[in-house]
Amino acid sequence: MAADVGQDAIMAMLATIVKTQEEQAAQKASMNARLDLMSLLLQSKEDRLDTHRMGQDDLTTQMEEQVVLQHDEMLARLTALEDDATTKLAAQAARITVLEKKLTIHSGGDTLSGLLPKLSHLQSLLDGLKITLESLQDFCAQR
C-alpha cells in the first residue's frame, strides 16, 4: 500500500512535469509565431522605408549641394574680411612707422609728454586690429 501511494505520487509528479513541458512547448510555439509575424511586419516597414529613402535621396543631394555652396560663399566672405583686416593692419603699421620716423623726442621736454598719449592711442588701435585679424584667422581655421 505504501508502495502504491509512493508510486501514485511519482506518477502525479511526472504528469505535472509533462503537463508543464507541454504548456511551455505551446507557449514557445506561440512566441515563435508572434516573432515570425513581427519579422514580417518589420520587413514590410523596412521595404516601405527603403522606398521612401529612394525618394529622399534626390532631396538630400540637393540640400548637400546647397550647404556646400553656402559654405563656399561664407568662406569667400571671410577671406575678403581677412584680406580687408590685413590691409587695414598694414596701413596702420605704415602710419605708425611714418610717425615714428617723424618723431623726435627731446628729453624732459613738452614734446615727450604730448606725444606719449598719441603713441599709446595708436598702439591700442594697432593691438585692436591685430586681435581682429587673429579672430578672423581663428574663425577661418575652424571652418
Protein backbone atom coordinates (compact mmCIF):
# COMPACT_ATOMS: atom_id res chain seq x y z
CA MET A 1 0.00 0.00 0.00
CA ALA A 2 2.79 2.44 0.86
CA ALA A 3 4.46 1.50 -2.39
CA ASP A 4 1.23 2.26 -4.25
CA VAL A 5 0.96 5.68 -2.60
CA GLY A 6 4.61 6.46 -3.42
CA GLN A 7 4.13 5.23 -6.97
CA ASP A 8 0.96 7.34 -7.34
CA ALA A 9 2.81 10.41 -6.05
CA ILE A 10 5.65 9.82 -8.54
CA MET A 11 3.14 9.36 -11.37
CA ALA A 12 1.34 12.59 -10.36
CA MET A 13 4.65 14.46 -10.32
CA LEU A 14 5.57 13.03 -13.73
CA ALA A 15 2.16 14.03 -15.10
CA THR A 16 2.66 17.56 -13.73
CA ILE A 17 6.11 17.75 -15.31
CA VAL A 18 4.79 16.51 -18.67
CA LYS A 19 1.89 18.97 -18.49
CA THR A 20 4.29 21.83 -17.66
CA GLN A 21 6.54 20.85 -20.55
CA GLU A 22 3.56 20.73 -22.91
CA GLU A 23 2.45 24.18 -21.73
CA GLN A 24 5.97 25.53 -22.22
CA ALA A 25 6.12 23.99 -25.70
CA ALA A 26 2.77 25.61 -26.56
CA GLN A 27 3.99 28.97 -25.23
CA LYS A 28 7.20 28.61 -27.22
CA ALA A 29 5.24 27.84 -30.39
CA SER A 30 3.01 30.85 -29.73
CA MET A 31 6.03 33.10 -29.16
CA ASN A 32 7.68 31.79 -32.34
CA ALA A 33 4.51 32.54 -34.29
CA ARG A 34 4.43 36.08 -32.84
CA LEU A 35 8.11 36.52 -33.64
CA ASP A 36 7.52 35.40 -37.25
CA LEU A 37 4.62 37.84 -37.55
CA MET A 38 6.72 40.68 -36.11
CA SER A 39 9.54 39.82 -38.52
CA LEU A 40 7.12 40.06 -41.44
CA LEU A 41 5.80 43.39 -40.19
CA LEU A 42 9.32 44.71 -39.70
CA GLN A 43 10.34 43.61 -43.18
CA SER A 44 7.28 45.33 -44.62
CA LYS A 45 8.13 48.55 -42.79
CA GLU A 46 11.77 48.33 -43.91
CA ASP A 47 10.62 47.91 -47.52
CA ARG A 48 8.41 51.00 -47.22
CA LEU A 49 11.25 52.92 -45.60
CA ASP A 50 13.62 51.93 -48.41
CA THR A 51 11.09 53.17 -50.95
CA HIS A 52 10.76 56.43 -49.02
CA ARG A 53 14.54 56.81 -48.78
CA MET A 54 14.93 56.48 -52.53
CA GLY A 55 12.65 59.49 -52.92
CA GLN A 56 14.58 61.36 -50.27
CA ASP A 57 17.97 60.76 -51.92
CA ASP A 58 17.34 63.45 -54.54
CA LEU A 59 16.24 65.93 -51.90
CA THR A 60 19.25 65.08 -49.73
CA THR A 61 21.61 65.58 -52.66
CA GLN A 62 20.09 68.98 -53.39
CA MET A 63 20.38 70.00 -49.75
CA GLU A 64 24.00 68.85 -49.58
CA GLU A 65 24.83 70.87 -52.70
CA GLN A 66 23.15 73.93 -51.20
CA VAL A 67 25.12 73.54 -47.96
CA VAL A 68 28.37 73.26 -49.91
CA LEU A 69 27.53 76.40 -51.89
CA GLN A 70 26.66 78.31 -48.72
CA HIS A 71 29.89 77.15 -47.09
CA ASP A 72 31.92 78.29 -50.10
CA GLU A 73 30.14 81.64 -50.06
CA MET A 74 30.83 82.13 -46.34
CA LEU A 75 34.46 81.16 -46.83
CA ALA A 76 34.79 83.72 -49.63
CA ARG A 77 33.26 86.42 -47.40
CA LEU A 78 35.57 85.52 -44.53
CA THR A 79 38.57 85.58 -46.82
CA ALA A 80 37.55 89.04 -48.04
CA LEU A 81 37.16 90.21 -44.43
CA GLU A 82 40.55 88.77 -43.54
CA ASP A 83 42.15 90.47 -46.55
CA ASP A 84 40.50 93.77 -45.60
CA ALA A 85 41.68 93.47 -41.99
CA THR A 86 45.19 92.62 -43.15
CA THR A 87 45.21 95.67 -45.44
CA LYS A 88 43.98 97.93 -42.63
CA LEU A 89 46.55 96.48 -40.25
CA ALA A 90 49.34 97.08 -42.76
CA ALA A 91 48.14 100.66 -43.32
CA GLN A 92 48.10 101.32 -39.57
CA ALA A 93 51.57 99.83 -39.22
CA ALA A 94 52.80 102.06 -42.06
CA ARG A 95 51.29 105.14 -40.39
CA ILE A 96 52.93 104.25 -37.10
CA THR A 97 56.26 103.76 -38.86
CA VAL A 98 55.95 107.18 -40.53
CA LEU A 99 55.07 108.77 -37.21
CA GLU A 100 57.99 107.07 -35.52
CA LYS A 101 60.36 108.39 -38.19
CA LYS A 102 58.99 111.93 -37.85
CA LEU A 103 59.10 111.80 -34.09
CA THR A 104 61.99 113.45 -32.38
CA ILE A 105 61.84 113.02 -28.66
CA HIS A 106 63.59 115.61 -26.56
CA SER A 107 64.43 114.52 -23.07
CA GLY A 108 62.34 116.22 -20.44
CA GLY A 109 60.53 118.48 -22.91
CA ASP A 110 56.86 119.12 -23.50
CA THR A 111 57.08 117.20 -26.77
CA LEU A 112 57.56 113.92 -24.95
CA SER A 113 54.57 114.36 -22.69
CA GLY A 114 52.40 115.48 -25.62
CA LEU A 115 53.37 112.63 -27.92
CA LEU A 116 53.11 109.72 -25.49
CA PRO A 117 49.28 109.71 -25.33
CA LYS A 118 49.10 109.78 -29.14
CA LEU A 119 51.55 106.91 -29.43
CA SER A 120 49.66 104.99 -26.78
CA HIS A 121 46.41 105.56 -28.69
CA LEU A 122 47.99 104.42 -31.96
CA GLN A 123 49.42 101.34 -30.25
CA SER A 124 45.98 100.42 -28.84
CA LEU A 125 44.47 100.79 -32.34
CA LEU A 126 47.17 98.54 -33.72
CA ASP A 127 46.56 95.99 -30.96
CA GLY A 128 42.81 96.07 -31.70
CA LEU A 129 43.43 95.40 -35.38
CA LYS A 130 45.77 92.53 -34.52
CA ILE A 131 43.12 90.96 -32.27
CA THR A 132 40.51 91.34 -35.03
CA LEU A 133 42.82 89.71 -37.56
CA GLU A 134 43.63 86.85 -35.18
CA SER A 135 39.91 86.31 -34.50
CA LEU A 136 39.18 86.17 -38.22
CA GLN A 137 42.05 83.75 -38.77
CA ASP A 138 40.79 81.50 -35.94
CA PHE A 139 37.27 81.62 -37.37
CA CYS A 140 38.54 80.73 -40.85
CA ALA A 141 40.62 77.91 -39.42
CA GLN A 142 37.55 76.47 -37.70
CA ARG A 143 35.68 76.40 -40.99
